[in-house]
Amino acid sequence: MSDMTASDSPPVAELSYEQARDELVRVVTELEQGGATLEQSIALWERGEALARRCEEWLIGAKERLDAARAAAEG
């Protein structure tokens, strides 16, 4: 288990895509390793869910920007 807990981590809404993705990988690794208490595992799971949503928001935003750029170039 790392020394950094979810409460020590920056708010998910402030993370870049890369930061959220990298932290999500760390969260998944910690959960897979086991050794966390039930409470820690729940907190990790909740943080992971929030990080996954943040990554999805970034990807949706990127797709919308690409679609807008394509539409502008075509029209």
PDB file of N, CA and C in Angstrom:
ATOM      1  N   MET A   1       0.846  -1.177   0.000  1.00  0.00           N
ATOM      2  CA  MET A   1       0.000   0.000   0.000  1.00  0.00           C
ATOM      3  C   MET A   1       0.890   1.238   0.000  1.00  0.00           C
ATOM      4  N   SER A   2       0.566   2.205  -0.806  1.00  0.00           N
ATOM      5  CA  SER A   2       1.370   3.423  -0.846  1.00  0.00           C
ATOM      6  C   SER A   2       1.053   4.297   0.361  1.00  0.00           C
ATOM      7  N   ASP A   3       1.924   5.272   0.586  1.00  0.00           N
ATOM      8  CA  ASP A   3       1.718   6.194   1.696  1.00  0.00           C
ATOM      9  C   ASP A   3       0.667   7.239   1.361  1.00  0.00           C
ATOM     10  N   MET A   4       0.346   7.405   0.089  1.00  0.00           N
ATOM     11  CA  MET A   4      -0.593   8.431  -0.343  1.00  0.00           C
ATOM     12  C   MET A   4      -2.010   7.864  -0.316  1.00  0.00           C
ATOM     13  N   THR A   5      -2.871   8.493   0.446  1.00  0.00           N
ATOM     14  CA  THR A   5      -4.259   8.053   0.497  1.00  0.00           C
ATOM     15  C   THR A   5      -5.094   8.945  -0.402  1.00  0.00           C
ATOM     16  N   ALA A   6      -6.309   8.522  -0.661  1.00  0.00           N
ATOM     17  CA  ALA A   6      -7.197   9.292  -1.530  1.00  0.00           C
ATOM     18  C   ALA A   6      -7.416  10.693  -0.971  1.00  0.00           C
ATOM     19  N   SER A   7      -7.444  10.820   0.356  1.00  0.00           N
ATOM     20  CA  SER A   7      -7.670  12.141   0.939  1.00  0.00           C
ATOM     21  C   SER A   7      -6.463  13.060   0.743  1.00  0.00           C
ATOM     22  N   ASP A   8      -5.268  12.487   0.525  1.00  0.00           N
ATOM     23  CA  ASP A   8      -4.067  13.281   0.278  1.00  0.00           C
ATOM     24  C   ASP A   8      -3.955  13.680  -1.194  1.00  0.00           C
ATOM     25  N   SER A   9      -4.684  13.019  -2.053  1.00  0.00           N
ATOM     26  CA  SER A   9      -4.577  13.225  -3.489  1.00  0.00           C
ATOM     27  C   SER A   9      -5.293  14.494  -3.914  1.00  0.00           C
ATOM     28  N   PRO A  10      -4.830  15.092  -5.021  1.00  0.00           N
ATOM     29  CA  PRO A  10      -5.525  16.286  -5.518  1.00  0.00           C
ATOM     30  C   PRO A  10      -6.933  15.926  -5.999  1.00  0.00           C
ATOM     31  N   PRO A  11      -7.831  16.903  -6.004  1.00  0.00           N
ATOM     32  CA  PRO A  11      -9.185  16.637  -6.500  1.00  0.00           C
ATOM     33  C   PRO A  11      -9.145  16.127  -7.935  1.00  0.00           C
ATOM     34  N   VAL A  12      -9.943  15.123  -8.214  1.00  0.00           N
ATOM     35  CA  VAL A  12      -9.967  14.498  -9.536  1.00  0.00           C
ATOM     36  C   VAL A  12     -10.269  15.524 -10.624  1.00  0.00           C
ATOM     37  N   ALA A  13     -11.157  16.460 -10.345  1.00  0.00           N
ATOM     38  CA  ALA A  13     -11.560  17.454 -11.349  1.00  0.00           C
ATOM     39  C   ALA A  13     -10.403  18.345 -11.791  1.00  0.00           C
ATOM     40  N   GLU A  14      -9.326  18.396 -11.007  1.00  0.00           N
ATOM     41  CA  GLU A  14      -8.186  19.240 -11.343  1.00  0.00           C
ATOM     42  C   GLU A  14      -7.098  18.503 -12.120  1.00  0.00           C
ATOM     43  N   LEU A  15      -7.272  17.208 -12.331  1.00  0.00           N
ATOM     44  CA  LEU A  15      -6.236  16.400 -12.969  1.00  0.00           C
ATOM     45  C   LEU A  15      -6.305  16.460 -14.487  1.00  0.00           C
ATOM     46  N   SER A  16      -5.138  16.471 -15.110  1.00  0.00           N
ATOM     47  CA  SER A  16      -5.080  16.326 -16.560  1.00  0.00           C
ATOM     48  C   SER A  16      -5.412  14.875 -16.900  1.00  0.00           C
ATOM     49  N   TYR A  17      -5.625  14.616 -18.176  1.00  0.00           N
ATOM     50  CA  TYR A  17      -5.894  13.245 -18.603  1.00  0.00           C
ATOM     51  C   TYR A  17      -4.752  12.323 -18.178  1.00  0.00           C
ATOM     52  N   GLU A  18      -3.521  12.751 -18.425  1.00  0.00           N
ATOM     53  CA  GLU A  18      -2.363  11.918 -18.131  1.00  0.00           C
ATOM     54  C   GLU A  18      -2.225  11.658 -16.638  1.00  0.00           C
ATOM     55  N   GLN A  19      -2.471  12.677 -15.823  1.00  0.00           N
ATOM     56  CA  GLN A  19      -2.398  12.497 -14.371  1.00  0.00           C
ATOM     57  C   GLN A  19      -3.462  11.512 -13.894  1.00  0.00           C
ATOM     58  N   ALA A  20      -4.689  11.669 -14.395  1.00  0.00           N
ATOM     59  CA  ALA A  20      -5.778  10.780 -13.994  1.00  0.00           C
ATOM     60  C   ALA A  20      -5.499   9.352 -14.442  1.00  0.00           C
ATOM     61  N   ARG A  21      -5.016   9.198 -15.662  1.00  0.00           N
ATOM     62  CA  ARG A  21      -4.706   7.862 -16.184  1.00  0.00           C
ATOM     63  C   ARG A  21      -3.613   7.193 -15.356  1.00  0.00           C
ATOM     64  N   ASP A  22      -2.547   7.933 -15.060  1.00  0.00           N
ATOM     65  CA  ASP A  22      -1.430   7.364 -14.303  1.00  0.00           C
ATOM     66  C   ASP A  22      -1.857   6.987 -12.890  1.00  0.00           C
ATOM     67  N   GLU A  23      -2.659   7.835 -12.256  1.00  0.00           N
ATOM     68  CA  GLU A  23      -3.132   7.507 -10.910  1.00  0.00           C
ATOM     69  C   GLU A  23      -4.076   6.317 -10.944  1.00  0.00           C
ATOM     70  N   LEU A  24      -4.906   6.231 -11.979  1.00  0.00           N
ATOM     71  CA  LEU A  24      -5.810   5.096 -12.120  1.00  0.00           C
ATOM     72  C   LEU A  24      -5.023   3.794 -12.219  1.00  0.00           C
ATOM     73  N   VAL A  25      -3.935   3.803 -12.958  1.00  0.00           N
ATOM     74  CA  VAL A  25      -3.080   2.612 -13.059  1.00  0.00           C
ATOM     75  C   VAL A  25      -2.550   2.238 -11.672  1.00  0.00           C
ATOM     76  N   ARG A  26      -2.111   3.238 -10.899  1.00  0.00           N
ATOM     77  CA  ARG A  26      -1.603   2.964  -9.541  1.00  0.00           C
ATOM     78  C   ARG A  26      -2.703   2.393  -8.643  1.00  0.00           C
ATOM     79  N   VAL A  27      -3.905   2.946  -8.752  1.00  0.00           N
ATOM     80  CA  VAL A  27      -5.026   2.463  -7.940  1.00  0.00           C
ATOM     81  C   VAL A  27      -5.338   1.006  -8.267  1.00  0.00           C
ATOM     82  N   VAL A  28      -5.405   0.696  -9.548  1.00  0.00           N
ATOM     83  CA  VAL A  28      -5.705  -0.677  -9.966  1.00  0.00           C
ATOM     84  C   VAL A  28      -4.619  -1.627  -9.460  1.00  0.00           C
ATOM     85  N   THR A  29      -3.360  -1.215  -9.571  1.00  0.00           N
ATOM     86  CA  THR A  29      -2.252  -2.049  -9.101  1.00  0.00           C
ATOM     87  C   THR A  29      -2.371  -2.311  -7.606  1.00  0.00           C
ATOM     88  N   GLU A  30      -2.689  -1.276  -6.836  1.00  0.00           N
ATOM     89  CA  GLU A  30      -2.843  -1.445  -5.384  1.00  0.00           C
ATOM     90  C   GLU A  30      -3.981  -2.395  -5.058  1.00  0.00           C
ATOM     91  N   LEU A  31      -5.090  -2.260  -5.768  1.00  0.00           N
ATOM     92  CA  LEU A  31      -6.223  -3.149  -5.522  1.00  0.00           C
ATOM     93  C   LEU A  31      -5.872  -4.592  -5.886  1.00  0.00           C
ATOM     94  N   GLU A  32      -5.145  -4.778  -6.969  1.00  0.00           N
ATOM     95  CA  GLU A  32      -4.764  -6.132  -7.394  1.00  0.00           C
ATOM     96  C   GLU A  32      -3.785  -6.781  -6.429  1.00  0.00           C
ATOM     97  N   GLN A  33      -2.933  -5.982  -5.802  1.00  0.00           N
ATOM     98  CA  GLN A  33      -1.943  -6.525  -4.870  1.00  0.00           C
ATOM     99  C   GLN A  33      -2.574  -7.024  -3.584  1.00  0.00           C
ATOM    100  N   GLY A  34      -3.746  -6.510  -3.267  1.00  0.00           N
ATOM    101  CA  GLY A  34      -4.390  -6.888  -2.016  1.00  0.00           C
ATOM    102  C   GLY A  34      -3.641  -6.269  -0.848  1.00  0.00           C
ATOM    103  N   GLY A  35      -3.906  -6.741   0.327  1.00  0.00           N
ATOM    104  CA  GLY A  35      -3.207  -6.236   1.491  1.00  0.00           C
ATOM    105  C   GLY A  35      -3.841  -5.005   2.107  1.00  0.00           C
ATOM    106  N   ALA A  36      -4.760  -4.373   1.401  1.00  0.00           N
ATOM    107  CA  ALA A  36      -5.442  -3.198   1.946  1.00  0.00           C
ATOM    108  C   ALA A  36      -6.599  -3.666   2.819  1.00  0.00           C
ATOM    109  N   THR A  37      -6.942  -2.853   3.782  1.00  0.00           N
ATOM    110  CA  THR A  37      -8.118  -3.154   4.597  1.00  0.00           C
ATOM    111  C   THR A  37      -9.365  -2.967   3.719  1.00  0.00           C
ATOM    112  N   LEU A  38     -10.481  -3.418   4.204  1.00  0.00           N
ATOM    113  CA  LEU A  38     -11.735  -3.242   3.460  1.00  0.00           C
ATOM    114  C   LEU A  38     -12.006  -1.760   3.239  1.00  0.00           C
ATOM    115  N   GLU A  39     -11.816  -0.963   4.275  1.00  0.00           N
ATOM    116  CA  GLU A  39     -12.067   0.483   4.165  1.00  0.00           C
ATOM    117  C   GLU A  39     -11.133   1.122   3.133  1.00  0.00           C
ATOM    118  N   GLN A  40      -9.853   0.736   3.153  1.00  0.00           N
ATOM    119  CA  GLN A  40      -8.895   1.257   2.179  1.00  0.00           C
ATOM    120  C   GLN A  40      -9.274   0.814   0.766  1.00  0.00           C
ATOM    121  N   SER A  41      -9.688  -0.432   0.629  1.00  0.00           N
ATOM    122  CA  SER A  41     -10.080  -0.946  -0.683  1.00  0.00           C
ATOM    123  C   SER A  41     -11.285  -0.194  -1.232  1.00  0.00           C
ATOM    124  N   ILE A  42     -12.253   0.093  -0.377  1.00  0.00           N
ATOM    125  CA  ILE A  42     -13.425   0.849  -0.810  1.00  0.00           C
ATOM    126  C   ILE A  42     -13.012   2.249  -1.252  1.00  0.00           C
ATOM    127  N   ALA A  43     -12.133   2.891  -0.478  1.00  0.00           N
ATOM    128  CA  ALA A  43     -11.670   4.237  -0.831  1.00  0.00           C
ATOM    129  C   ALA A  43     -10.905   4.206  -2.151  1.00  0.00           C
ATOM    130  N   LEU A  44     -10.081   3.194  -2.343  1.00  0.00           N
ATOM    131  CA  LEU A  44      -9.346   3.058  -3.605  1.00  0.00           C
ATOM    132  C   LEU A  44     -10.314   2.853  -4.764  1.00  0.00           C
ATOM    133  N   TRP A  45     -11.299   1.998  -4.571  1.00  0.00           N
ATOM    134  CA  TRP A  45     -12.287   1.723  -5.617  1.00  0.00           C
ATOM    135  C   TRP A  45     -13.029   3.006  -5.997  1.00  0.00           C
ATOM    136  N   GLU A  46     -13.458   3.765  -4.993  1.00  0.00           N
ATOM    137  CA  GLU A  46     -14.180   5.015  -5.258  1.00  0.00           C
ATOM    138  C   GLU A  46     -13.295   6.006  -6.002  1.00  0.00           C
ATOM    139  N   ARG A  47     -12.032   6.113  -5.590  1.00  0.00           N
ATOM    140  CA  ARG A  47     -11.095   7.003  -6.279  1.00  0.00           C
ATOM    141  C   ARG A  47     -10.901   6.528  -7.715  1.00  0.00           C
ATOM    142  N   GLY A  48     -10.765   5.224  -7.900  1.00  0.00           N
ATOM    143  CA  GLY A  48     -10.596   4.676  -9.242  1.00  0.00           C
ATOM    144  C   GLY A  48     -11.783   4.971 -10.142  1.00  0.00           C
ATOM    145  N   GLU A  49     -12.977   4.852  -9.602  1.00  0.00           N
ATOM    146  CA  GLU A  49     -14.186   5.166 -10.377  1.00  0.00           C
ATOM    147  C   GLU A  49     -14.180   6.635 -10.800  1.00  0.00           C
ATOM    148  N   ALA A  50     -13.821   7.521  -9.877  1.00  0.00           N
ATOM    149  CA  ALA A  50     -13.777   8.954 -10.187  1.00  0.00           C
ATOM    150  C   ALA A  50     -12.693   9.237 -11.230  1.00  0.00           C
ATOM    151  N   LEU A  51     -11.561   8.577 -11.111  1.00  0.00           N
ATOM    152  CA  LEU A  51     -10.474   8.771 -12.082  1.00  0.00           C
ATOM    153  C   LEU A  51     -10.883   8.275 -13.464  1.00  0.00           C
ATOM    154  N   ALA A  52     -11.561   7.144 -13.522  1.00  0.00           N
ATOM    155  CA  ALA A  52     -12.023   6.611 -14.803  1.00  0.00           C
ATOM    156  C   ALA A  52     -13.010   7.574 -15.457  1.00  0.00           C
ATOM    157  N   ARG A  53     -13.917   8.148 -14.655  1.00  0.00           N
ATOM    158  CA  ARG A  53     -14.870   9.134 -15.198  1.00  0.00           C
ATOM    159  C   ARG A  53     -14.129  10.357 -15.723  1.00  0.00           C
ATOM    160  N   ARG A  54     -13.099  10.804 -15.011  1.00  0.00           N
ATOM    161  CA  ARG A  54     -12.319  11.970 -15.440  1.00  0.00           C
ATOM    162  C   ARG A  54     -11.635  11.690 -16.768  1.00  0.00           C
ATOM    163  N   CYS A  55     -11.052  10.509 -16.909  1.00  0.00           N
ATOM    164  CA  CYS A  55     -10.413  10.143 -18.176  1.00  0.00           C
ATOM    165  C   CYS A  55     -11.443  10.148 -19.307  1.00  0.00           C
ATOM    166  N   GLU A  56     -12.617   9.592 -19.032  1.00  0.00           N
ATOM    167  CA  GLU A  56     -13.669   9.557 -20.043  1.00  0.00           C
ATOM    168  C   GLU A  56     -14.096  10.971 -20.437  1.00  0.00           C
ATOM    169  N   GLU A  57     -14.203  11.871 -19.457  1.00  0.00           N
ATOM    170  CA  GLU A  57     -14.556  13.264 -19.762  1.00  0.00           C
ATOM    171  C   GLU A  57     -13.527  13.894 -20.698  1.00  0.00           C
ATOM    172  N   TRP A  58     -12.249  13.664 -20.413  1.00  0.00           N
ATOM    173  CA  TRP A  58     -11.188  14.206 -21.269  1.00  0.00           C
ATOM    174  C   TRP A  58     -11.289  13.647 -22.678  1.00  0.00           C
ATOM    175  N   LEU A  59     -11.529  12.337 -22.789  1.00  0.00           N
ATOM    176  CA  LEU A  59     -11.599  11.717 -24.116  1.00  0.00           C
ATOM    177  C   LEU A  59     -12.817  12.195 -24.898  1.00  0.00           C
ATOM    178  N   ILE A  60     -13.949  12.353 -24.224  1.00  0.00           N
ATOM    179  CA  ILE A  60     -15.149  12.876 -24.883  1.00  0.00           C
ATOM    180  C   ILE A  60     -14.895  14.302 -25.362  1.00  0.00           C
ATOM    181  N   GLY A  61     -14.274  15.113 -24.514  1.00  0.00           N
ATOM    182  CA  GLY A  61     -13.948  16.488 -24.895  1.00  0.00           C
ATOM    183  C   GLY A  61     -13.007  16.538 -26.083  1.00  0.00           C
ATOM    184  N   ALA A  62     -12.021  15.654 -26.098  1.00  0.00           N
ATOM    185  CA  ALA A  62     -11.076  15.611 -27.219  1.00  0.00           C
ATOM    186  C   ALA A  62     -11.796  15.215 -28.504  1.00  0.00           C
ATOM    187  N   LYS A  63     -12.690  14.246 -28.422  1.00  0.00           N
ATOM    188  CA  LYS A  63     -13.443  13.827 -29.614  1.00  0.00           C
ATOM    189  C   LYS A  63     -14.312  14.965 -30.124  1.00  0.00           C
ATOM    190  N   GLU A  64     -14.958  15.688 -29.219  1.00  0.00           N
ATOM    191  CA  GLU A  64     -15.803  16.815 -29.637  1.00  0.00           C
ATOM    192  C   GLU A  64     -14.971  17.888 -30.340  1.00  0.00           C
ATOM    193  N   ARG A  65     -13.783  18.153 -29.818  1.00  0.00           N
ATOM    194  CA  ARG A  65     -12.907  19.146 -30.450  1.00  0.00           C
ATOM    195  C   ARG A  65     -12.471  18.689 -31.836  1.00  0.00           C
ATOM    196  N   LEU A  66     -12.148  17.405 -31.963  1.00  0.00           N
ATOM    197  CA  LEU A  66     -11.756  16.876 -33.277  1.00  0.00           C
ATOM    198  C   LEU A  66     -12.921  16.941 -34.263  1.00  0.00           C
ATOM    199  N   ASP A  67     -14.103  16.558 -33.791  1.00  0.00           N
ATOM    200  CA  ASP A  67     -15.278  16.617 -34.653  1.00  0.00           C
ATOM    201  C   ASP A  67     -15.547  18.045 -35.108  1.00  0.00           C
ATOM    202  N   ALA A  68     -15.414  19.020 -34.203  1.00  0.00           N
ATOM    203  CA  ALA A  68     -15.631  20.418 -34.551  1.00  0.00           C
ATOM    204  C   ALA A  68     -14.589  20.899 -35.559  1.00  0.00           C
ATOM    205  N   ALA A  69     -13.346  20.495 -35.360  1.00  0.00           N
ATOM    206  CA  ALA A  69     -12.293  20.889 -36.284  1.00  0.00           C
ATOM    207  C   ALA A  69     -12.512  20.292 -37.666  1.00  0.00           C
ATOM    208  N   ARG A  70     -12.956  19.036 -37.710  1.00  0.00           N
ATOM    209  CA  ARG A  70     -13.262  18.397 -39.007  1.00  0.00           C
ATOM    210  C   ARG A  70     -14.409  19.109 -39.710  1.00  0.00           C
ATOM    211  N   ALA A  71     -15.454  19.415 -38.938  1.00  0.00           N
ATOM    212  CA  ALA A  71     -16.613  20.081 -39.513  1.00  0.00           C
ATOM    213  C   ALA A  71     -16.230  21.457 -40.060  1.00  0.00           C
ATOM    214  N   ALA A  72     -15.388  22.176 -39.342  1.00  0.00           N
ATOM    215  CA  ALA A  72     -14.950  23.501 -39.797  1.00  0.00           C
ATOM    216  C   ALA A  72     -14.098  23.385 -41.063  1.00  0.00           C
ATOM    217  N   ALA A  73     -13.261  22.339 -41.111  1.00  0.00           N
ATOM    218  CA  ALA A  73     -12.395  22.158 -42.275  1.00  0.00           C
ATOM    219  C   ALA A  73     -13.214  21.759 -43.516  1.00  0.00           C
ATOM    220  N   GLU A  74     -14.300  21.048 -43.295  1.00  0.00           N
ATOM    221  CA  GLU A  74     -15.129  20.587 -44.422  1.00  0.00           C
ATOM    222  C   GLU A  74     -16.122  21.647 -44.881  1.00  0.00           C
ATOM    223  N   GLY A  75     -16.385  22.601 -44.012  1.00  0.00           N
ATOM    224  CA  GLY A  75     -17.477  23.406 -44.384  1.00  0.00           C
ATOM    225  C   GLY A  75     -17.491  24.825 -44.370  1.00  0.00           C
TER     226      GLY A  75
END
